[in-house]
Amino acid sequence: MCYDAQWAEFSFIVLFYSFQINYYESERNEKLHGTIFLKDVTSVIEAEHQAVPTLKAGEVGFFFNVRNSPRLYMNRVFDL
């Protein structure tokens, strides 16, 4: 799971055969929320730890940003 700028939770699926990442509103992939086309990604960088309202006490994760034109996706990956 990852989060957008408003820290809404999404499930991401990487589709290697079509070079894209689809993200969904739930883990059951019921409703496609958007697509990131890997050919349009200009950078992927590690990001500073950020306050996320949905974190449980002691929960940590890896933060990273994915930039394409014109968006910046701020993400956090954690163990399920």
C-alpha atoms as a PDB file:
ATOM      1  CA  MET A   1       0.000   0.000   0.000  1.00  0.00           C
ATOM      2  CA  CYS A   2       1.035   3.562  -0.653  1.00  0.00           C
ATOM      3  CA  TYR A   3      -0.421   7.008  -0.053  1.00  0.00           C
ATOM      4  CA  ASP A   4      -1.103  10.054  -2.206  1.00  0.00           C
ATOM      5  CA  ALA A   5      -0.530  13.708  -1.168  1.00  0.00           C
ATOM      6  CA  GLN A   6      -3.636  13.594   1.042  1.00  0.00           C
ATOM      7  CA  TRP A   7      -2.392  10.254   2.450  1.00  0.00           C
ATOM      8  CA  ALA A   8      -5.227   8.174   1.061  1.00  0.00           C
ATOM      9  CA  GLU A   9      -4.432   4.479   0.945  1.00  0.00           C
ATOM     10  CA  PHE A  10      -4.054   2.756  -2.437  1.00  0.00           C
ATOM     11  CA  SER A  11      -2.892  -0.626  -3.685  1.00  0.00           C
ATOM     12  CA  PHE A  12      -0.312  -0.551  -6.470  1.00  0.00           C
ATOM     13  CA  ILE A  13       0.225  -3.256  -9.094  1.00  0.00           C
ATOM     14  CA  VAL A  14       3.234  -3.113 -11.416  1.00  0.00           C
ATOM     15  CA  LEU A  15       2.427  -4.412 -14.900  1.00  0.00           C
ATOM     16  CA  PHE A  16       5.833  -5.177 -16.356  1.00  0.00           C
ATOM     17  CA  TYR A  17       4.492  -6.337 -19.737  1.00  0.00           C
ATOM     18  CA  SER A  18       2.830  -2.961 -20.372  1.00  0.00           C
ATOM     19  CA  PHE A  19       5.377  -0.789 -18.455  1.00  0.00           C
ATOM     20  CA  GLN A  20       2.827   0.797 -16.147  1.00  0.00           C
ATOM     21  CA  ILE A  21       1.716   0.910 -12.532  1.00  0.00           C
ATOM     22  CA  ASN A  22      -2.012   0.786 -11.847  1.00  0.00           C
ATOM     23  CA  TYR A  23      -3.315   1.940  -8.496  1.00  0.00           C
ATOM     24  CA  TYR A  24      -6.593   0.944  -6.918  1.00  0.00           C
ATOM     25  CA  GLU A  25      -8.734   2.131  -4.027  1.00  0.00           C
ATOM     26  CA  SER A  26      -8.561  -1.264  -2.310  1.00  0.00           C
ATOM     27  CA  GLU A  27      -6.495  -4.435  -2.248  1.00  0.00           C
ATOM     28  CA  ARG A  28      -9.272  -6.273  -4.103  1.00  0.00           C
ATOM     29  CA  ASN A  29      -8.603  -4.166  -7.244  1.00  0.00           C
ATOM     30  CA  GLU A  30     -12.272  -3.279  -7.554  1.00  0.00           C
ATOM     31  CA  LYS A  31     -11.907   0.259  -8.883  1.00  0.00           C
ATOM     32  CA  LEU A  32      -8.941   1.564 -10.876  1.00  0.00           C
ATOM     33  CA  HIS A  33      -8.006   4.961  -9.460  1.00  0.00           C
ATOM     34  CA  GLY A  34      -5.187   5.789 -11.888  1.00  0.00           C
ATOM     35  CA  THR A  35      -2.175   4.711 -13.917  1.00  0.00           C
ATOM     36  CA  ILE A  36       1.471   5.765 -13.893  1.00  0.00           C
ATOM     37  CA  PHE A  37       3.154   5.051 -17.227  1.00  0.00           C
ATOM     38  CA  LEU A  38       6.764   4.105 -16.557  1.00  0.00           C
ATOM     39  CA  LYS A  39       7.946   5.698 -19.813  1.00  0.00           C
ATOM     40  CA  ASP A  40       6.821   9.071 -18.394  1.00  0.00           C
ATOM     41  CA  VAL A  41       8.640   8.740 -15.036  1.00  0.00           C
ATOM     42  CA  THR A  42      11.497  11.249 -14.811  1.00  0.00           C
ATOM     43  CA  SER A  43      12.806  10.359 -11.327  1.00  0.00           C
ATOM     44  CA  VAL A  44      12.387   8.067  -8.324  1.00  0.00           C
ATOM     45  CA  ILE A  45      14.068   9.300  -5.153  1.00  0.00           C
ATOM     46  CA  GLU A  46      14.107   8.385  -1.481  1.00  0.00           C
ATOM     47  CA  ALA A  47      12.066  10.875   0.531  1.00  0.00           C
ATOM     48  CA  GLU A  48      12.256  12.169   4.087  1.00  0.00           C
ATOM     49  CA  HIS A  49      10.059  10.486   6.689  1.00  0.00           C
ATOM     50  CA  GLN A  50       6.709  12.261   6.847  1.00  0.00           C
ATOM     51  CA  ALA A  51       3.873  12.317   9.347  1.00  0.00           C
ATOM     52  CA  VAL A  52       1.047  10.080   8.181  1.00  0.00           C
ATOM     53  CA  PRO A  53      -2.198  10.242  10.181  1.00  0.00           C
ATOM     54  CA  THR A  54      -3.032   6.567   9.586  1.00  0.00           C
ATOM     55  CA  LEU A  55       0.229   5.211  11.075  1.00  0.00           C
ATOM     56  CA  LYS A  56      -0.007   3.029  14.135  1.00  0.00           C
ATOM     57  CA  ALA A  57       2.393   3.589  17.029  1.00  0.00           C
ATOM     58  CA  GLY A  58       5.831   2.255  16.127  1.00  0.00           C
ATOM     59  CA  GLU A  59       4.933   1.592  12.484  1.00  0.00           C
ATOM     60  CA  VAL A  60       7.617   2.639  10.008  1.00  0.00           C
ATOM     61  CA  GLY A  61       8.125   2.397   6.290  1.00  0.00           C
ATOM     62  CA  PHE A  62      10.189   3.462   3.320  1.00  0.00           C
ATOM     63  CA  PHE A  63       9.227   6.809   1.771  1.00  0.00           C
ATOM     64  CA  PHE A  64       9.919   7.608  -1.870  1.00  0.00           C
ATOM     65  CA  ASN A  65       8.741  10.036  -4.543  1.00  0.00           C
ATOM     66  CA  VAL A  66       7.944   9.191  -8.153  1.00  0.00           C
ATOM     67  CA  ARG A  67       7.884  12.153 -10.516  1.00  0.00           C
ATOM     68  CA  ASN A  68       6.425  12.356 -13.971  1.00  0.00           C
ATOM     69  CA  SER A  69       5.145  15.331 -15.854  1.00  0.00           C
ATOM     70  CA  PRO A  70       3.134  16.999 -14.314  1.00  0.00           C
ATOM     71  CA  ARG A  71       2.672  14.982 -11.061  1.00  0.00           C
ATOM     72  CA  LEU A  72       4.688  14.071  -8.012  1.00  0.00           C
ATOM     73  CA  TYR A  73       3.548  10.873  -6.287  1.00  0.00           C
ATOM     74  CA  MET A  74       4.577  10.776  -2.622  1.00  0.00           C
ATOM     75  CA  ASN A  75       4.622   7.161  -1.457  1.00  0.00           C
ATOM     76  CA  ARG A  76       5.232   5.033   1.590  1.00  0.00           C
ATOM     77  CA  VAL A  77       5.711   1.296   1.427  1.00  0.00           C
ATOM     78  CA  PHE A  78       5.315  -0.870   4.502  1.00  0.00           C
ATOM     79  CA  ASP A  79       5.002  -4.537   5.425  1.00  0.00           C
ATOM     80  CA  LEU A  80       1.510  -5.926   5.549  1.00  0.00           C
END
